[in-house]
């Protein structure tokens, strides 16, 4: 899995989100997501929304994903 693959999955799951993903070892990544849909949600809820876009890849193809999220 590459950073651009993760970015595309998140963008598909959260339409209109501004997503930046970094990571060059194929397993450990960090992502910054700015999304209007995060408004009114706790940070934990925002992170769950992102994890839902990645499904079973979390803990499998993606070993670790550090998130920074905020509403647009």
C-alpha atoms as a PDB file:
ATOM      1  CA  UNK A   1       0.000   0.000   0.000  1.00  0.00           C
ATOM      2  CA  UNK A   2       1.285   3.423  -0.948  1.00  0.00           C
ATOM      3  CA  UNK A   3       0.459   6.843   0.506  1.00  0.00           C
ATOM      4  CA  UNK A   4      -1.392   7.848  -2.668  1.00  0.00           C
ATOM      5  CA  UNK A   5      -3.612   4.740  -2.416  1.00  0.00           C
ATOM      6  CA  UNK A   6      -4.623   5.690   1.127  1.00  0.00           C
ATOM      7  CA  UNK A   7      -5.235   9.279   0.042  1.00  0.00           C
ATOM      8  CA  UNK A   8      -7.553   8.111  -2.746  1.00  0.00           C
ATOM      9  CA  UNK A   9      -9.505   5.797  -0.416  1.00  0.00           C
ATOM     10  CA  UNK A  10     -10.045   8.576   2.116  1.00  0.00           C
ATOM     11  CA  UNK A  11     -11.054  11.060  -0.592  1.00  0.00           C
ATOM     12  CA  UNK A  12     -13.567   8.566  -1.995  1.00  0.00           C
ATOM     13  CA  UNK A  13     -15.026   7.914   1.446  1.00  0.00           C
ATOM     14  CA  UNK A  14     -15.095  11.575   2.486  1.00  0.00           C
ATOM     15  CA  UNK A  15     -16.018  13.494  -0.696  1.00  0.00           C
ATOM     16  CA  UNK A  16     -14.649  17.014  -0.729  1.00  0.00           C
ATOM     17  CA  UNK A  17     -12.029  16.345   1.950  1.00  0.00           C
ATOM     18  CA  UNK A  18      -8.567  17.832   1.615  1.00  0.00           C
ATOM     19  CA  UNK A  19      -6.232  14.898   2.278  1.00  0.00           C
ATOM     20  CA  UNK A  20      -2.457  14.684   2.580  1.00  0.00           C
ATOM     21  CA  UNK A  21      -0.835  11.317   3.338  1.00  0.00           C
ATOM     22  CA  UNK A  22       2.857  10.712   3.970  1.00  0.00           C
ATOM     23  CA  UNK A  23       4.799   7.522   4.506  1.00  0.00           C
ATOM     24  CA  UNK A  24       7.487   5.796   2.540  1.00  0.00           C
ATOM     25  CA  UNK A  25       7.901   2.342   4.096  1.00  0.00           C
ATOM     26  CA  UNK A  26       4.585   0.939   2.853  1.00  0.00           C
ATOM     27  CA  UNK A  27       3.197   0.249   6.351  1.00  0.00           C
ATOM     28  CA  UNK A  28       3.473   3.358   8.529  1.00  0.00           C
ATOM     29  CA  UNK A  29       1.679   6.511   7.435  1.00  0.00           C
ATOM     30  CA  UNK A  30       0.514   9.879   8.672  1.00  0.00           C
ATOM     31  CA  UNK A  31      -2.455  11.722   7.265  1.00  0.00           C
ATOM     32  CA  UNK A  32      -3.900  15.202   7.595  1.00  0.00           C
ATOM     33  CA  UNK A  33      -7.563  15.502   6.689  1.00  0.00           C
ATOM     34  CA  UNK A  34      -9.658  18.665   6.534  1.00  0.00           C
ATOM     35  CA  UNK A  35     -13.321  17.864   5.979  1.00  0.00           C
ATOM     36  CA  UNK A  36     -16.535  19.838   6.381  1.00  0.00           C
ATOM     37  CA  UNK A  37     -18.307  16.718   7.593  1.00  0.00           C
ATOM     38  CA  UNK A  38     -16.151  16.663  10.733  1.00  0.00           C
ATOM     39  CA  UNK A  39     -17.922  19.754  12.094  1.00  0.00           C
ATOM     40  CA  UNK A  40     -19.610  19.022  15.409  1.00  0.00           C
ATOM     41  CA  UNK A  41     -17.858  15.665  15.848  1.00  0.00           C
ATOM     42  CA  UNK A  42     -15.267  14.819  18.495  1.00  0.00           C
ATOM     43  CA  UNK A  43     -11.725  14.011  17.392  1.00  0.00           C
ATOM     44  CA  UNK A  44     -12.400  10.354  18.175  1.00  0.00           C
ATOM     45  CA  UNK A  45     -15.493  10.367  15.951  1.00  0.00           C
ATOM     46  CA  UNK A  46     -13.515  12.098  13.184  1.00  0.00           C
ATOM     47  CA  UNK A  47     -10.841   9.397  13.358  1.00  0.00           C
ATOM     48  CA  UNK A  48     -13.493   6.666  13.229  1.00  0.00           C
ATOM     49  CA  UNK A  49     -14.907   8.256  10.084  1.00  0.00           C
ATOM     50  CA  UNK A  50     -11.467   8.079   8.460  1.00  0.00           C
ATOM     51  CA  UNK A  51     -10.869   4.483   9.587  1.00  0.00           C
ATOM     52  CA  UNK A  52     -14.226   3.490   8.079  1.00  0.00           C
ATOM     53  CA  UNK A  53     -12.975   4.638   4.663  1.00  0.00           C
ATOM     54  CA  UNK A  54     -10.057   2.199   4.966  1.00  0.00           C
ATOM     55  CA  UNK A  55     -11.999  -0.798   6.275  1.00  0.00           C
ATOM     56  CA  UNK A  56     -10.073  -4.012   6.798  1.00  0.00           C
ATOM     57  CA  UNK A  57      -6.865  -2.505   5.435  1.00  0.00           C
ATOM     58  CA  UNK A  58      -6.276  -1.035   8.899  1.00  0.00           C
ATOM     59  CA  UNK A  59      -4.194  -3.477  10.896  1.00  0.00           C
ATOM     60  CA  UNK A  60      -3.452  -5.408   7.728  1.00  0.00           C
ATOM     61  CA  UNK A  61      -1.952  -3.607   4.767  1.00  0.00           C
ATOM     62  CA  UNK A  62      -1.741  -0.446   6.856  1.00  0.00           C
ATOM     63  CA  UNK A  63       0.125  -1.213  10.061  1.00  0.00           C
ATOM     64  CA  UNK A  64      -0.061   2.297  11.529  1.00  0.00           C
ATOM     65  CA  UNK A  65      -1.787   5.528  10.542  1.00  0.00           C
ATOM     66  CA  UNK A  66      -1.308   8.705  12.562  1.00  0.00           C
ATOM     67  CA  UNK A  67      -4.170  11.133  11.991  1.00  0.00           C
ATOM     68  CA  UNK A  68      -4.637  14.882  12.265  1.00  0.00           C
ATOM     69  CA  UNK A  69      -8.192  15.858  11.502  1.00  0.00           C
ATOM     70  CA  UNK A  70     -10.179  19.065  11.578  1.00  0.00           C
ATOM     71  CA  UNK A  71     -13.340  20.559  10.158  1.00  0.00           C
ATOM     72  CA  UNK A  72     -13.044  22.874   7.158  1.00  0.00           C
END
